[in-house]
Amino acid sequence: MSLHGGIPDAIAADVKRGEQLEWWTLGWMASVVLVMWLVMGASQAMKAAVIEDLLSLVPAFVFLISVHWERRRPNKRFPFGYRRANSLAFLVAATALLSVGGFLAYESVSTLVKQEHPSVGGITLFGHTVWLGWLMIAALAYSIVPPIILGHMKQPVAERIKDKVLHTDALMQKADWQTGLAGIAGIVGIGLGWWWADATAALFISLSIIRDAIGALEQAVAELLDGTPRALDTNELSDDAQRLIATLKGRFGEVGVRLRETGRYIAAEVDCPPPAKIPTAVELMGDDRAWRLASLSFRPE
């Protein structure tokens, strides 16, 4: 067991699958952003949707960068390796999410307070003038499909490799297709003469973003402060961390056990003299999660 190596063989294939899904995300979402930008007009909901889709690229980028760094071996400048790159990537993604959610909330509330009336005009295509709203709705409908598929494919991979960046990206994909649906509602509202519908839809989107961002940020900060391992979808102690604590207490009695998480890996410290035979990671975590225990140390009183 070591804290400093690359990616364990047990999860190498799943990590590569995660990388493949993120490359697909960058390609698909780039096309969505381009289409949305071409028909954005002055719509607040469309603006929110475009920014949301741009934001959705951040977790994919930082996941790919963190995995690249995670594979690097320790050196003189970084003797403990680069496994904390995943934790840093998680913080970057969560911070970006919160910043954009706050910006969108401010823009939407400002529009509602000032009672600005957005308008959607027409556009001439092949000699015919059509309402731009129809093109916006078509673009938003297109933006819904890739996030539904990619988010559904990322969730099980993120769970197997215990990757919070990939899990956050799967949640981001959920926010993307919800944004698309809310955006369509906003455009239809403008067509019906409900000036407030556009900004209200954008505000609804921003509140959803902020809620997800705060939860992710709490986990990211806890991880960087050597907090106990959290579950992917909550700020509670993860199931395998609870089992590891119970197993260690079962072997060594009611001793102090401290766990911390570095990226997807767990380091454990037990308050007792080292035993004659150090238990293996398989004995403590089981075959399927042995890779997650990167280090085990004993601290005599």
Protein backbone atom coordinates (compact mmCIF):
# COMPACT_ATOMS: atom_id res chain seq x y z
CA MET A 1 0.00 0.00 0.00
CA SER A 2 1.31 3.46 -0.81
CA LEU A 3 -0.09 6.97 -0.98
CA HIS A 4 2.26 7.97 -3.70
CA GLY A 5 1.75 5.70 -6.71
CA GLY A 6 -0.30 6.16 -9.88
CA ILE A 7 -3.71 4.65 -10.62
CA PRO A 8 -4.28 1.11 -9.24
CA ASP A 9 -4.77 -1.67 -11.79
CA ALA A 10 -8.13 -2.54 -10.19
CA ILE A 11 -9.71 0.70 -11.44
CA ALA A 12 -7.48 1.52 -14.44
CA ALA A 13 -10.09 0.40 -17.00
CA ASP A 14 -12.88 2.39 -15.32
CA VAL A 15 -10.71 5.50 -15.09
CA LYS A 16 -10.01 5.25 -18.82
CA ARG A 17 -13.75 4.86 -19.40
CA GLY A 18 -14.27 8.04 -17.38
CA GLU A 19 -11.72 9.85 -19.55
CA GLN A 20 -13.49 8.65 -22.70
CA LEU A 21 -16.84 9.93 -21.43
CA GLU A 22 -15.31 13.33 -20.61
CA TRP A 23 -13.84 13.67 -24.10
CA TRP A 24 -17.28 12.87 -25.51
CA THR A 25 -18.71 15.52 -23.14
CA LEU A 26 -16.32 18.19 -24.41
CA GLY A 27 -17.22 17.43 -28.02
CA TRP A 28 -20.99 17.22 -27.56
CA MET A 29 -21.29 20.19 -25.21
CA ALA A 30 -19.09 22.36 -27.43
CA SER A 31 -21.57 21.75 -30.26
CA VAL A 32 -24.47 22.57 -27.92
CA VAL A 33 -22.83 25.85 -26.81
CA LEU A 34 -22.25 26.85 -30.45
CA VAL A 35 -25.85 26.18 -31.46
CA MET A 36 -27.23 27.98 -28.40
CA TRP A 37 -24.98 30.99 -28.91
CA LEU A 38 -26.10 31.36 -32.54
CA VAL A 39 -29.77 31.71 -31.53
CA MET A 40 -29.36 33.27 -28.05
CA GLY A 41 -30.73 36.72 -28.89
CA ALA A 42 -31.66 38.82 -25.81
CA SER A 43 -33.30 36.03 -23.84
CA GLN A 44 -32.24 35.80 -20.17
CA ALA A 45 -33.17 32.13 -19.99
CA MET A 46 -31.11 31.40 -23.13
CA LYS A 47 -28.22 33.36 -21.67
CA ALA A 48 -28.47 31.29 -18.48
CA ALA A 49 -28.58 28.09 -20.50
CA VAL A 50 -25.49 29.03 -22.53
CA ILE A 51 -23.51 29.91 -19.40
CA GLU A 52 -24.71 26.71 -17.76
CA ASP A 53 -23.51 24.71 -20.76
CA LEU A 54 -20.15 26.53 -20.75
CA LEU A 55 -19.83 25.79 -17.06
CA SER A 56 -20.54 22.13 -17.72
CA LEU A 57 -17.21 21.95 -19.57
CA VAL A 58 -15.21 22.84 -16.43
CA PRO A 59 -15.61 19.51 -14.56
CA ALA A 60 -14.73 17.58 -17.73
CA PHE A 61 -11.56 19.64 -18.21
CA VAL A 62 -10.40 19.40 -14.60
CA PHE A 63 -11.18 15.65 -14.46
CA LEU A 64 -8.94 15.00 -17.48
CA ILE A 65 -6.16 17.18 -16.07
CA SER A 66 -6.34 15.62 -12.60
CA VAL A 67 -6.19 12.06 -13.99
CA HIS A 68 -3.17 13.02 -16.10
CA TRP A 69 -1.43 14.33 -12.97
CA GLU A 70 -2.57 11.40 -10.86
CA ARG A 71 -0.67 9.01 -13.13
CA ARG A 72 2.60 10.86 -12.58
CA ARG A 73 5.11 9.30 -10.24
CA PRO A 74 6.54 11.06 -7.15
CA ASN A 75 9.70 13.06 -7.65
CA LYS A 76 12.03 15.24 -5.62
CA ARG A 77 9.76 18.26 -5.87
CA PHE A 78 6.59 16.29 -5.09
CA PRO A 79 7.72 13.30 -3.00
CA PHE A 80 4.13 12.46 -2.00
CA GLY A 81 2.95 12.21 -5.60
CA TYR A 82 0.02 13.94 -7.28
CA ARG A 83 -3.02 12.09 -6.00
CA ARG A 84 -4.34 15.24 -4.33
CA ALA A 85 -4.80 16.70 -7.84
CA ASN A 86 -8.25 15.08 -7.80
CA SER A 87 -9.16 16.99 -4.62
CA LEU A 88 -7.97 20.26 -6.14
CA ALA A 89 -9.96 19.58 -9.33
CA PHE A 90 -13.05 19.00 -7.21
CA LEU A 91 -12.58 22.39 -5.50
CA VAL A 92 -12.10 24.18 -8.85
CA ALA A 93 -15.28 22.66 -10.30
CA ALA A 94 -17.33 23.48 -7.20
CA THR A 95 -16.04 27.07 -7.03
CA ALA A 96 -16.79 27.72 -10.68
CA LEU A 97 -20.27 26.31 -10.19
CA LEU A 98 -20.99 28.60 -7.24
CA SER A 99 -19.62 31.71 -9.00
CA VAL A 100 -21.76 31.28 -12.08
CA GLY A 101 -24.85 30.38 -10.03
CA GLY A 102 -24.43 33.61 -8.05
CA PHE A 103 -23.98 35.66 -11.21
CA LEU A 104 -27.10 34.23 -12.80
CA ALA A 105 -29.16 34.83 -9.65
CA TYR A 106 -28.02 38.48 -9.56
CA GLU A 107 -28.84 39.02 -13.25
CA SER A 108 -32.28 37.43 -12.91
CA VAL A 109 -33.28 39.33 -9.75
CA SER A 110 -32.02 42.58 -11.30
CA THR A 111 -34.19 42.00 -14.37
CA LEU A 112 -37.27 41.28 -12.26
CA VAL A 113 -36.73 44.31 -10.00
CA LYS A 114 -36.20 46.66 -12.97
CA GLN A 115 -39.12 44.99 -14.81
CA GLU A 116 -37.15 44.80 -18.02
CA HIS A 117 -39.28 43.37 -20.84
CA PRO A 118 -37.25 40.99 -23.03
CA SER A 119 -38.29 40.58 -26.64
CA VAL A 120 -37.69 37.89 -29.21
CA GLY A 121 -37.80 39.14 -32.77
CA GLY A 122 -37.80 37.42 -36.11
CA ILE A 123 -35.06 36.23 -38.44
CA THR A 124 -35.08 35.83 -42.20
CA LEU A 125 -34.09 32.39 -43.45
CA PHE A 126 -34.20 31.49 -47.16
CA GLY A 127 -36.44 34.43 -47.86
CA HIS A 128 -38.90 33.67 -45.06
CA THR A 129 -39.16 35.48 -41.71
CA VAL A 130 -39.67 33.18 -38.73
CA TRP A 131 -39.97 33.87 -35.01
CA LEU A 132 -36.51 33.46 -33.44
CA GLY A 133 -38.17 31.75 -30.48
CA TRP A 134 -38.78 28.64 -32.57
CA LEU A 135 -35.05 28.36 -33.29
CA MET A 136 -34.29 28.91 -29.59
CA ILE A 137 -36.68 26.13 -28.62
CA ALA A 138 -35.10 23.80 -31.22
CA ALA A 139 -31.60 24.60 -29.90
CA LEU A 140 -32.71 24.04 -26.30
CA ALA A 141 -34.30 20.72 -27.27
CA TYR A 142 -30.98 19.70 -28.86
CA SER A 143 -29.14 20.72 -25.66
CA ILE A 144 -31.24 18.31 -23.60
CA VAL A 145 -30.30 15.04 -25.34
CA PRO A 146 -26.48 14.70 -24.83
CA PRO A 147 -26.55 15.55 -21.07
CA ILE A 148 -29.24 12.94 -20.38
CA ILE A 149 -27.21 10.19 -22.09
CA LEU A 150 -23.76 11.22 -20.80
CA GLY A 151 -24.92 11.85 -17.23
CA HIS A 152 -26.59 8.43 -17.10
CA MET A 153 -23.36 6.79 -18.33
CA LYS A 154 -21.08 8.65 -15.86
CA GLN A 155 -22.92 7.84 -12.62
CA PRO A 156 -21.97 4.12 -12.35
CA VAL A 157 -18.35 4.81 -13.38
CA ALA A 158 -18.02 7.57 -10.76
CA GLU A 159 -19.35 5.20 -8.10
CA ARG A 160 -16.91 2.42 -9.02
CA ILE A 161 -13.83 4.67 -8.94
CA LYS A 162 -15.14 6.91 -6.11
CA ASP A 163 -14.48 10.04 -8.12
CA LYS A 164 -16.27 13.17 -6.88
CA VAL A 165 -15.25 15.23 -9.92
CA LEU A 166 -16.89 12.75 -12.29
CA HIS A 167 -19.91 12.52 -9.99
CA THR A 168 -20.19 16.33 -9.93
CA ASP A 169 -20.01 16.31 -13.71
CA ALA A 170 -22.86 13.79 -13.85
CA LEU A 171 -24.90 16.16 -11.66
CA MET A 172 -23.92 19.00 -13.95
CA GLN A 173 -25.34 17.07 -16.89
CA LYS A 174 -28.58 16.73 -14.96
CA ALA A 175 -28.58 20.50 -14.41
CA ASP A 176 -27.92 20.96 -18.15
CA TRP A 177 -31.03 19.13 -19.32
CA GLN A 178 -33.14 20.73 -16.58
CA THR A 179 -31.81 24.09 -17.75
CA GLY A 180 -32.89 23.22 -21.27
CA LEU A 181 -36.44 22.43 -20.13
CA ALA A 182 -36.63 25.63 -18.04
CA GLY A 183 -35.28 27.63 -20.96
CA ILE A 184 -38.01 26.30 -23.25
CA ALA A 185 -40.60 27.31 -20.65
CA GLY A 186 -39.09 30.80 -20.54
CA ILE A 187 -39.17 31.25 -24.32
CA VAL A 188 -42.76 30.03 -24.50
CA GLY A 189 -43.57 32.54 -21.73
CA ILE A 190 -42.12 35.40 -23.78
CA GLY A 191 -44.22 34.29 -26.76
CA LEU A 192 -47.33 34.46 -24.56
CA GLY A 193 -46.43 37.97 -23.37
CA TRP A 194 -45.32 36.97 -19.86
CA TRP A 195 -42.22 39.21 -19.56
CA TRP A 196 -41.36 37.82 -16.12
CA ALA A 197 -41.29 34.20 -17.30
CA ASP A 198 -37.84 34.51 -18.90
CA ALA A 199 -36.07 35.93 -15.82
CA THR A 200 -38.05 33.65 -13.48
CA ALA A 201 -36.88 30.59 -15.42
CA ALA A 202 -33.28 31.84 -15.23
CA LEU A 203 -33.65 32.46 -11.47
CA PHE A 204 -35.00 28.94 -10.99
CA ILE A 205 -31.96 27.59 -12.84
CA SER A 206 -29.51 29.67 -10.80
CA LEU A 207 -30.97 28.50 -7.46
CA SER A 208 -30.58 24.90 -8.54
CA ILE A 209 -26.94 25.58 -9.51
CA ILE A 210 -26.18 27.32 -6.20
CA ARG A 211 -27.68 24.48 -4.16
CA ASP A 212 -25.57 21.87 -5.96
CA ALA A 213 -22.48 24.09 -5.76
CA ILE A 214 -22.70 24.63 -1.99
CA GLY A 215 -22.97 20.90 -1.37
CA ALA A 216 -19.99 20.18 -3.64
CA LEU A 217 -17.95 23.01 -2.12
CA GLU A 218 -18.52 21.71 1.42
CA GLN A 219 -17.21 18.30 0.39
CA ALA A 220 -14.24 19.73 -1.52
CA VAL A 221 -13.12 21.91 1.40
CA ALA A 222 -13.53 19.00 3.83
CA GLU A 223 -11.37 16.82 1.61
CA LEU A 224 -8.59 19.42 1.40
CA LEU A 225 -8.70 19.82 5.19
CA ASP A 226 -8.13 16.06 5.61
CA GLY A 227 -11.74 15.43 6.60
CA THR A 228 -13.16 11.94 6.90
CA PRO A 229 -14.11 10.28 3.58
CA ARG A 230 -17.50 11.55 2.38
CA ALA A 231 -20.08 9.78 0.23
CA LEU A 232 -20.32 10.90 -3.38
CA ASP A 233 -23.80 12.38 -3.10
CA THR A 234 -23.90 13.66 0.49
CA ASN A 235 -21.64 15.24 3.12
CA GLU A 236 -22.01 12.14 5.32
CA LEU A 237 -19.31 9.53 6.04
CA SER A 238 -19.03 7.08 3.15
CA ASP A 239 -20.20 3.47 3.64
CA ASP A 240 -16.76 1.92 3.07
CA ALA A 241 -15.18 4.36 5.57
CA GLN A 242 -17.76 3.34 8.20
CA ARG A 243 -17.01 -0.34 7.53
CA LEU A 244 -13.26 0.28 7.75
CA ILE A 245 -13.62 1.99 11.15
CA ALA A 246 -15.76 -0.89 12.43
CA THR A 247 -13.26 -3.47 11.11
CA LEU A 248 -10.27 -1.74 12.71
CA LYS A 249 -12.06 -1.38 16.05
CA GLY A 250 -13.07 -5.06 15.82
CA ARG A 251 -9.42 -6.06 15.42
CA PHE A 252 -7.74 -3.66 17.82
CA GLY A 253 -10.45 -2.84 20.39
CA GLU A 254 -11.95 0.54 21.25
CA VAL A 255 -8.97 2.53 20.01
CA GLY A 256 -8.95 5.86 18.22
CA VAL A 257 -9.25 5.53 14.43
CA ARG A 258 -8.73 8.48 12.11
CA LEU A 259 -9.45 8.40 8.38
CA ARG A 260 -8.74 11.03 5.77
CA GLU A 261 -9.37 11.11 2.06
CA THR A 262 -6.94 12.18 -0.64
CA GLY A 263 -8.74 12.19 -3.95
CA ARG A 264 -10.29 8.74 -4.22
CA TYR A 265 -7.94 7.14 -1.66
CA ILE A 266 -8.20 6.63 2.11
CA ALA A 267 -5.40 6.90 4.67
CA ALA A 268 -6.05 5.33 8.09
CA GLU A 269 -4.30 5.93 11.42
CA VAL A 270 -4.91 3.72 14.47
CA ASP A 271 -4.04 4.71 18.06
CA CYS A 272 -2.27 1.50 19.19
CA PRO A 273 1.14 -0.16 18.87
CA PRO A 274 1.76 -1.89 15.53
CA PRO A 275 0.54 -5.53 15.65
CA ALA A 276 2.84 -8.46 14.95
CA LYS A 277 1.02 -9.03 11.67
CA ILE A 278 -0.20 -5.99 9.76
CA PRO A 279 -3.60 -6.70 8.13
CA THR A 280 -3.74 -6.37 4.36
CA ALA A 281 -5.97 -3.96 2.46
CA VAL A 282 -8.05 -6.91 1.21
CA GLU A 283 -8.63 -8.10 4.78
CA LEU A 284 -9.77 -4.64 5.86
CA MET A 285 -11.67 -3.41 2.80
CA GLY A 286 -12.58 -6.54 0.82
CA ASP A 287 -11.49 -7.48 -2.70
CA ASP A 288 -13.51 -4.83 -4.52
CA ARG A 289 -12.41 -1.85 -2.38
CA ALA A 290 -8.86 -2.86 -1.37
CA TRP A 291 -7.40 -0.34 -3.84
CA ARG A 292 -8.99 2.51 -1.90
CA LEU A 293 -6.91 1.99 1.26
CA ALA A 294 -3.66 3.72 0.33
CA SER A 295 -1.98 3.68 3.73
CA LEU A 296 -2.40 2.27 7.23
CA SER A 297 -0.29 3.51 10.13
CA PHE A 298 -0.23 2.90 13.88
CA ARG A 299 0.39 5.54 16.51
CA PRO A 300 1.43 4.19 19.94
CA GLU A 301 0.10 6.15 22.91
